[in-house]
Every structure is written in structure tokens, then in C-alpha cells.
Amino acid sequence: MSHHGAPVTTSELMLQIAIRSFADRGYEATSMRQIAQDVGVKPASLYNHYPAKEDLLWAIVEDAITELEARQDAAVEVDVTPLRALRTFVRVHVRYHATHAQEARIVNARIRVLSSERYARVLDFRKRYERRLRDLLVGGDADGSFDLVDVKTTTFAILQMGMAISDWYRPDGELDPEELCDRYERHALRLIGVRVPDEPALERLAE
């Protein structure tokens, strides 16, 4: 989780090891002692950074929801058409779940073990994330850009389509993340009743 090639801090290394351990062994089956051993520190050092295993889980969850919200913010700009915003959103949603598959699996499977306050924060994030996509679909349907079967199931279909990627996607598979984005963008356009455009994928033009 270092940025721009900066050295990984001990705290970041602990998070990286925790992500791998929770994804491979399972949250319940992973002990703080095992994580400390994998990091190469004494358990006391781990507790200094993260007093409880739930604090490690929360750090992973908080990173994930912060990044997803920032990506959605960038996609759903005020001055873009519903179609462009939808295409960009699908790509950032898909890309995150492909490139952060372990974190996504942990968040989707283990948020219920969080304290009630932290769990409520995740639910608030999910409601906002879902509502902004739904509003985008409503706008596109209202101005004739989209031809939806209905807003609610289309919203869930697009969200679940992306979230499920974290269950099966492997970086050494036949599709790289951008090719996956291309295909899922086309799937989403069909869901909203839009003819698949012939121009290059949106994000590839912007990057």
C-alpha cells in the first residue's frame, strides 16, 4: 500500500500480510500471533499498531470504501452525460474488484464481524454508492439515453456483476484488468439498452 514507490511502512506491511492471511486462511482462522510471525515482528509490536484483529479488518475495509468512493466521485462528474458517467463508473467498479480482489472478498464476506458503529458506516457507504448509480440510471432513462427494464434490478445487476469479479478473477488469467473492463462495459451497455459504441473504450482514451 505504499504510494509512488515509497518504502512500505511497518503498518502498511502488517496490512498487506493481514489481507493475504484473511483471504487465504479466513478471518476467523487467522490469529494476530500468526500475522506478527508472517510480518517478522513480535506480537506486542503488532498490537502497538492494531490493538485488536478487528482493527486490522477495519483498516482494510476503510481503505476499500474510501478508494471506491473516490473512484465513483471521479466517474460521476456533474458536467458529463449519464451515458459517459455510466461507462466510466462501470470501468472503475470493475477495475477495483479485479485489482483488489482479496480486499473486496474480505470486505464482502466479513463486514458483519465489525462493531455496530463501524458496520453502520459501511452500510452508509453502500447506500450512497448504490444511490448514486441508481440516480445516474434514472437520469439516463428520463432523458431517453437508456432503455431500462427497471431501475432497481438494473442497479443491483451492475453492482453485483462487478463485485462477483473478486471471487474468480486471477491476474495471471487470460484477461488483464483493462480487457475485463472493456467486456463488462459492453455487458452493462446492453443492460441499459444502449447500442454498443464502436469507439475505443472510454477510459483508454482518458488515460
C-alpha atoms as a PDB file:
ATOM      1  CA  MET A   1       0.000   0.000   0.000  1.00  0.00           C
ATOM      2  CA  SER A   2       2.969   2.264  -0.444  1.00  0.00           C
ATOM      3  CA  HIS A   3       2.464   5.174  -2.800  1.00  0.00           C
ATOM      4  CA  HIS A   4       4.553   6.051  -5.845  1.00  0.00           C
ATOM      5  CA  GLY A   5       7.379   3.694  -4.966  1.00  0.00           C
ATOM      6  CA  ALA A   6       7.804   4.996  -1.403  1.00  0.00           C
ATOM      7  CA  PRO A   7       9.134   2.472   1.124  1.00  0.00           C
ATOM      8  CA  VAL A   8       6.479   0.301   2.750  1.00  0.00           C
ATOM      9  CA  THR A   9       5.986   1.221   6.394  1.00  0.00           C
ATOM     10  CA  THR A  10       5.670  -1.428   9.097  1.00  0.00           C
ATOM     11  CA  SER A  11       1.986  -0.583   9.453  1.00  0.00           C
ATOM     12  CA  GLU A  12       1.419  -0.979   5.690  1.00  0.00           C
ATOM     13  CA  LEU A  13       3.306  -4.274   5.679  1.00  0.00           C
ATOM     14  CA  MET A  14       1.125  -5.521   8.524  1.00  0.00           C
ATOM     15  CA  LEU A  15      -1.966  -4.626   6.497  1.00  0.00           C
ATOM     16  CA  GLN A  16      -0.632  -6.355   3.383  1.00  0.00           C
ATOM     17  CA  ILE A  17       0.094  -9.531   5.350  1.00  0.00           C
ATOM     18  CA  ALA A  18      -3.315  -9.354   7.042  1.00  0.00           C
ATOM     19  CA  ILE A  19      -5.069  -9.037   3.671  1.00  0.00           C
ATOM     20  CA  ARG A  20      -3.258 -12.090   2.345  1.00  0.00           C
ATOM     21  CA  SER A  21      -3.856 -14.067   5.548  1.00  0.00           C
ATOM     22  CA  PHE A  22      -7.551 -13.195   5.833  1.00  0.00           C
ATOM     23  CA  ALA A  23      -8.070 -14.002   2.139  1.00  0.00           C
ATOM     24  CA  ASP A  24      -6.148 -17.295   2.237  1.00  0.00           C
ATOM     25  CA  ARG A  25      -6.856 -18.667   5.722  1.00  0.00           C
ATOM     26  CA  GLY A  26     -10.065 -16.829   6.512  1.00  0.00           C
ATOM     27  CA  TYR A  27     -10.577 -14.089   9.062  1.00  0.00           C
ATOM     28  CA  GLU A  28     -11.671 -16.355  11.910  1.00  0.00           C
ATOM     29  CA  ALA A  29      -8.830 -18.825  11.311  1.00  0.00           C
ATOM     30  CA  THR A  30      -6.122 -16.157  11.350  1.00  0.00           C
ATOM     31  CA  SER A  31      -4.610 -15.123  14.675  1.00  0.00           C
ATOM     32  CA  MET A  32      -2.764 -11.930  15.493  1.00  0.00           C
ATOM     33  CA  ARG A  33       0.201 -14.093  16.501  1.00  0.00           C
ATOM     34  CA  GLN A  34       0.289 -15.653  13.007  1.00  0.00           C
ATOM     35  CA  ILE A  35       0.190 -12.227  11.354  1.00  0.00           C
ATOM     36  CA  ALA A  36       3.006 -10.986  13.594  1.00  0.00           C
ATOM     37  CA  GLN A  37       5.044 -14.084  12.735  1.00  0.00           C
ATOM     38  CA  ASP A  38       4.436 -13.566   8.997  1.00  0.00           C
ATOM     39  CA  VAL A  39       5.466  -9.910   9.270  1.00  0.00           C
ATOM     40  CA  GLY A  40       8.530 -10.857  11.305  1.00  0.00           C
ATOM     41  CA  VAL A  41       7.719  -8.845  14.429  1.00  0.00           C
ATOM     42  CA  LYS A  42       6.817  -9.695  17.996  1.00  0.00           C
ATOM     43  CA  PRO A  43       3.059  -9.798  18.718  1.00  0.00           C
ATOM     44  CA  ALA A  44       3.455  -6.762  21.009  1.00  0.00           C
ATOM     45  CA  SER A  45       4.678  -4.707  18.047  1.00  0.00           C
ATOM     46  CA  LEU A  46       1.597  -5.663  16.036  1.00  0.00           C
ATOM     47  CA  TYR A  47      -0.686  -4.720  18.939  1.00  0.00           C
ATOM     48  CA  ASN A  48       1.000  -1.309  19.121  1.00  0.00           C
ATOM     49  CA  HIS A  49      -0.228  -0.605  15.579  1.00  0.00           C
ATOM     50  CA  TYR A  50      -3.513  -2.526  15.709  1.00  0.00           C
ATOM     51  CA  PRO A  51      -4.780  -3.255  19.238  1.00  0.00           C
ATOM     52  CA  ALA A  52      -7.234  -5.938  18.042  1.00  0.00           C
ATOM     53  CA  LYS A  53      -7.815  -8.114  14.999  1.00  0.00           C
ATOM     54  CA  GLU A  54     -10.961  -6.148  14.251  1.00  0.00           C
ATOM     55  CA  ASP A  55      -8.808  -3.002  13.954  1.00  0.00           C
ATOM     56  CA  LEU A  56      -6.843  -4.690  11.176  1.00  0.00           C
ATOM     57  CA  LEU A  57     -10.065  -5.686   9.454  1.00  0.00           C
ATOM     58  CA  TRP A  58     -11.419  -2.164   9.799  1.00  0.00           C
ATOM     59  CA  ALA A  59      -8.259  -0.663   8.302  1.00  0.00           C
ATOM     60  CA  ILE A  60      -8.736  -2.924   5.259  1.00  0.00           C
ATOM     61  CA  VAL A  61     -12.440  -2.098   4.991  1.00  0.00           C
ATOM     62  CA  GLU A  62     -11.916   1.648   5.462  1.00  0.00           C
ATOM     63  CA  ASP A  63      -9.212   1.734   2.758  1.00  0.00           C
ATOM     64  CA  ALA A  64     -11.532  -0.129   0.386  1.00  0.00           C
ATOM     65  CA  ILE A  65     -14.609   2.040   0.858  1.00  0.00           C
ATOM     66  CA  THR A  66     -12.555   5.259   0.751  1.00  0.00           C
ATOM     67  CA  GLU A  67     -10.967   4.268  -2.534  1.00  0.00           C
ATOM     68  CA  LEU A  68     -14.226   3.070  -4.084  1.00  0.00           C
ATOM     69  CA  GLU A  69     -15.986   6.283  -3.134  1.00  0.00           C
ATOM     70  CA  ALA A  70     -13.151   8.385  -4.589  1.00  0.00           C
ATOM     71  CA  ARG A  71     -13.317   6.396  -7.835  1.00  0.00           C
ATOM     72  CA  GLN A  72     -17.077   6.864  -8.014  1.00  0.00           C
ATOM     73  CA  ASP A  73     -16.669  10.595  -7.349  1.00  0.00           C
ATOM     74  CA  ALA A  74     -14.333  10.857 -10.319  1.00  0.00           C
ATOM     75  CA  ALA A  75     -16.704   8.895 -12.569  1.00  0.00           C
ATOM     76  CA  VAL A  76     -19.936  10.684 -11.715  1.00  0.00           C
ATOM     77  CA  GLU A  77     -18.937  14.232 -12.583  1.00  0.00           C
ATOM     78  CA  VAL A  78     -21.530  16.966 -12.754  1.00  0.00           C
ATOM     79  CA  ASP A  79     -20.799  18.011 -16.334  1.00  0.00           C
ATOM     80  CA  VAL A  80     -20.842  14.625 -18.072  1.00  0.00           C
ATOM     81  CA  THR A  81     -23.725  12.862 -19.770  1.00  0.00           C
ATOM     82  CA  PRO A  82     -25.418   9.924 -17.987  1.00  0.00           C
ATOM     83  CA  LEU A  83     -24.002   7.560 -20.645  1.00  0.00           C
ATOM     84  CA  ARG A  84     -20.412   8.722 -20.211  1.00  0.00           C
ATOM     85  CA  ALA A  85     -20.735   8.650 -16.417  1.00  0.00           C
ATOM     86  CA  LEU A  86     -22.217   5.148 -16.518  1.00  0.00           C
ATOM     87  CA  ARG A  87     -19.463   3.832 -18.782  1.00  0.00           C
ATOM     88  CA  THR A  88     -16.758   5.358 -16.596  1.00  0.00           C
ATOM     89  CA  PHE A  89     -18.391   4.102 -13.394  1.00  0.00           C
ATOM     90  CA  VAL A  90     -18.630   0.526 -14.697  1.00  0.00           C
ATOM     91  CA  ARG A  91     -14.946   0.573 -15.592  1.00  0.00           C
ATOM     92  CA  VAL A  92     -13.769   1.882 -12.215  1.00  0.00           C
ATOM     93  CA  HIS A  93     -16.078  -0.538 -10.380  1.00  0.00           C
ATOM     94  CA  VAL A  94     -14.816  -3.498 -12.410  1.00  0.00           C
ATOM     95  CA  ARG A  95     -11.174  -2.426 -12.252  1.00  0.00           C
ATOM     96  CA  TYR A  96     -11.248  -2.124  -8.461  1.00  0.00           C
ATOM     97  CA  HIS A  97     -12.727  -5.597  -7.969  1.00  0.00           C
ATOM     98  CA  ALA A  98     -10.165  -7.109 -10.350  1.00  0.00           C
ATOM     99  CA  THR A  99      -7.086  -5.337  -8.988  1.00  0.00           C
ATOM    100  CA  HIS A 100      -8.132  -5.501  -5.312  1.00  0.00           C
ATOM    101  CA  ALA A 101      -9.811  -8.901  -5.371  1.00  0.00           C
ATOM    102  CA  GLN A 102      -8.518 -10.038  -1.969  1.00  0.00           C
ATOM    103  CA  GLU A 103      -9.626  -6.853  -0.221  1.00  0.00           C
ATOM    104  CA  ALA A 104     -13.026  -6.991  -1.929  1.00  0.00           C
ATOM    105  CA  ARG A 105     -13.592 -10.608  -0.867  1.00  0.00           C
ATOM    106  CA  ILE A 106     -12.714  -9.775   2.730  1.00  0.00           C
ATOM    107  CA  VAL A 107     -14.986  -6.726   2.817  1.00  0.00           C
ATOM    108  CA  ASN A 108     -17.919  -8.527   1.211  1.00  0.00           C
ATOM    109  CA  ALA A 109     -17.627 -11.581   3.443  1.00  0.00           C
ATOM    110  CA  ARG A 110     -16.567 -10.212   6.830  1.00  0.00           C
ATOM    111  CA  ILE A 111     -18.101  -6.792   7.482  1.00  0.00           C
ATOM    112  CA  ARG A 112     -20.662  -8.347   9.844  1.00  0.00           C
ATOM    113  CA  VAL A 113     -17.956  -9.042  12.429  1.00  0.00           C
ATOM    114  CA  LEU A 114     -17.254  -5.317  12.738  1.00  0.00           C
ATOM    115  CA  SER A 115     -18.535  -3.340  15.717  1.00  0.00           C
ATOM    116  CA  SER A 116     -22.005  -1.891  15.247  1.00  0.00           C
ATOM    117  CA  GLU A 117     -20.663   1.645  14.678  1.00  0.00           C
ATOM    118  CA  ARG A 118     -18.180   0.530  12.015  1.00  0.00           C
ATOM    119  CA  TYR A 119     -20.733  -1.762  10.389  1.00  0.00           C
ATOM    120  CA  ALA A 120     -23.164   1.163  10.180  1.00  0.00           C
ATOM    121  CA  ARG A 121     -20.506   3.247   8.418  1.00  0.00           C
ATOM    122  CA  VAL A 122     -20.066   0.525   5.787  1.00  0.00           C
ATOM    123  CA  LEU A 123     -23.826   0.305   5.271  1.00  0.00           C
ATOM    124  CA  ASP A 124     -23.992   4.095   4.863  1.00  0.00           C
ATOM    125  CA  PHE A 125     -21.245   3.928   2.236  1.00  0.00           C
ATOM    126  CA  ARG A 126     -23.028   1.122   0.374  1.00  0.00           C
ATOM    127  CA  LYS A 127     -26.292   3.066   0.356  1.00  0.00           C
ATOM    128  CA  ARG A 128     -24.560   6.159  -1.060  1.00  0.00           C
ATOM    129  CA  TYR A 129     -22.673   4.119  -3.652  1.00  0.00           C
ATOM    130  CA  GLU A 130     -25.855   2.358  -4.757  1.00  0.00           C
ATOM    131  CA  ARG A 131     -27.958   5.536  -4.701  1.00  0.00           C
ATOM    132  CA  ARG A 132     -25.536   7.443  -6.932  1.00  0.00           C
ATOM    133  CA  LEU A 133     -25.598   4.678  -9.521  1.00  0.00           C
ATOM    134  CA  ARG A 134     -29.397   4.498  -9.306  1.00  0.00           C
ATOM    135  CA  ASP A 135     -29.682   8.287  -9.742  1.00  0.00           C
ATOM    136  CA  LEU A 136     -27.430   8.086 -12.775  1.00  0.00           C
ATOM    137  CA  LEU A 137     -29.643   5.381 -14.298  1.00  0.00           C
ATOM    138  CA  VAL A 138     -32.791   7.363 -13.525  1.00  0.00           C
ATOM    139  CA  GLY A 139     -31.298  10.405 -15.265  1.00  0.00           C
ATOM    140  CA  GLY A 140     -30.350   8.429 -18.357  1.00  0.00           C
ATOM    141  CA  ASP A 141     -33.746   6.761 -18.522  1.00  0.00           C
ATOM    142  CA  ALA A 142     -35.549  10.095 -18.125  1.00  0.00           C
ATOM    143  CA  ASP A 143     -33.671  11.831 -20.947  1.00  0.00           C
ATOM    144  CA  GLY A 144     -34.030   8.856 -23.291  1.00  0.00           C
ATOM    145  CA  SER A 145     -30.353   7.846 -23.239  1.00  0.00           C
ATOM    146  CA  PHE A 146     -31.164   4.480 -21.657  1.00  0.00           C
ATOM    147  CA  ASP A 147     -33.931   1.949 -22.119  1.00  0.00           C
ATOM    148  CA  LEU A 148     -34.172   0.140 -18.782  1.00  0.00           C
ATOM    149  CA  VAL A 149     -36.294  -2.849 -17.816  1.00  0.00           C
ATOM    150  CA  ASP A 150     -36.445  -1.201 -14.384  1.00  0.00           C
ATOM    151  CA  VAL A 151     -34.070   0.916 -12.338  1.00  0.00           C
ATOM    152  CA  LYS A 152     -33.828  -1.185  -9.185  1.00  0.00           C
ATOM    153  CA  THR A 153     -32.833  -4.524 -10.714  1.00  0.00           C
ATOM    154  CA  THR A 154     -30.522  -2.838 -13.229  1.00  0.00           C
ATOM    155  CA  THR A 155     -28.715  -1.081 -10.379  1.00  0.00           C
ATOM    156  CA  PHE A 156     -28.244  -4.344  -8.490  1.00  0.00           C
ATOM    157  CA  ALA A 157     -27.242  -6.221 -11.637  1.00  0.00           C
ATOM    158  CA  ILE A 158     -24.446  -3.773 -12.471  1.00  0.00           C
ATOM    159  CA  LEU A 159     -23.166  -3.661  -8.880  1.00  0.00           C
ATOM    160  CA  GLN A 160     -23.255  -7.432  -8.376  1.00  0.00           C
ATOM    161  CA  MET A 161     -21.722  -8.084 -11.780  1.00  0.00           C
ATOM    162  CA  GLY A 162     -18.654  -6.120 -10.710  1.00  0.00           C
ATOM    163  CA  MET A 163     -18.490  -7.390  -7.124  1.00  0.00           C
ATOM    164  CA  ALA A 164     -18.531 -11.028  -8.227  1.00  0.00           C
ATOM    165  CA  ILE A 165     -15.294 -10.497 -10.165  1.00  0.00           C
ATOM    166  CA  SER A 166     -13.338 -10.638  -6.906  1.00  0.00           C
ATOM    167  CA  ASP A 167     -14.486 -14.253  -6.426  1.00  0.00           C
ATOM    168  CA  TRP A 168     -12.994 -15.593  -9.644  1.00  0.00           C
ATOM    169  CA  TYR A 169     -10.568 -13.113 -11.202  1.00  0.00           C
ATOM    170  CA  ARG A 170      -6.885 -14.029 -11.234  1.00  0.00           C
ATOM    171  CA  PRO A 171      -4.187 -11.633 -12.519  1.00  0.00           C
ATOM    172  CA  ASP A 172      -2.435 -14.495 -14.318  1.00  0.00           C
ATOM    173  CA  GLY A 173      -5.615 -15.416 -16.227  1.00  0.00           C
ATOM    174  CA  GLU A 174      -6.423 -14.753 -19.871  1.00  0.00           C
ATOM    175  CA  LEU A 175      -7.828 -11.228 -19.338  1.00  0.00           C
ATOM    176  CA  ASP A 176      -5.918  -8.258 -17.982  1.00  0.00           C
ATOM    177  CA  PRO A 177      -7.955  -5.700 -15.997  1.00  0.00           C
ATOM    178  CA  GLU A 178      -8.422  -3.343 -18.952  1.00  0.00           C
ATOM    179  CA  GLU A 179      -9.687  -6.133 -21.232  1.00  0.00           C
ATOM    180  CA  LEU A 180     -12.049  -7.141 -18.441  1.00  0.00           C
ATOM    181  CA  CYS A 181     -13.260  -3.526 -18.198  1.00  0.00           C
ATOM    182  CA  ASP A 182     -13.861  -3.487 -21.968  1.00  0.00           C
ATOM    183  CA  ARG A 183     -16.059  -6.584 -21.804  1.00  0.00           C
ATOM    184  CA  TYR A 184     -18.005  -5.577 -18.711  1.00  0.00           C
ATOM    185  CA  GLU A 185     -18.598  -2.122 -20.141  1.00  0.00           C
ATOM    186  CA  ARG A 186     -20.239  -3.783 -23.143  1.00  0.00           C
ATOM    187  CA  HIS A 187     -22.309  -6.054 -20.876  1.00  0.00           C
ATOM    188  CA  ALA A 188     -23.507  -3.011 -18.900  1.00  0.00           C
ATOM    189  CA  LEU A 189     -24.433  -1.097 -22.058  1.00  0.00           C
ATOM    190  CA  ARG A 190     -26.608  -3.994 -23.147  1.00  0.00           C
ATOM    191  CA  LEU A 191     -28.261  -3.985 -19.709  1.00  0.00           C
ATOM    192  CA  ILE A 192     -29.248  -0.337 -20.126  1.00  0.00           C
ATOM    193  CA  GLY A 193     -30.499  -0.877 -23.681  1.00  0.00           C
ATOM    194  CA  VAL A 194     -27.739   1.070 -25.422  1.00  0.00           C
ATOM    195  CA  ARG A 195     -26.158   0.046 -28.713  1.00  0.00           C
ATOM    196  CA  VAL A 196     -22.527  -0.843 -28.078  1.00  0.00           C
ATOM    197  CA  PRO A 197     -20.440   2.028 -29.474  1.00  0.00           C
ATOM    198  CA  ASP A 198     -17.664   1.408 -31.937  1.00  0.00           C
ATOM    199  CA  GLU A 199     -15.195   3.908 -30.484  1.00  0.00           C
ATOM    200  CA  PRO A 200     -12.358   2.760 -28.201  1.00  0.00           C
ATOM    201  CA  ALA A 201     -13.157   2.138 -24.567  1.00  0.00           C
ATOM    202  CA  LEU A 202     -13.684   5.347 -22.652  1.00  0.00           C
ATOM    203  CA  GLU A 203     -11.005   5.039 -20.016  1.00  0.00           C
ATOM    204  CA  ARG A 204      -8.349   4.109 -22.556  1.00  0.00           C
ATOM    205  CA  LEU A 205      -8.926   7.420 -24.269  1.00  0.00           C
ATOM    206  CA  ALA A 206      -8.621   9.289 -20.996  1.00  0.00           C
ATOM    207  CA  GLU A 207      -5.514   7.577 -19.608  1.00  0.00           C
END
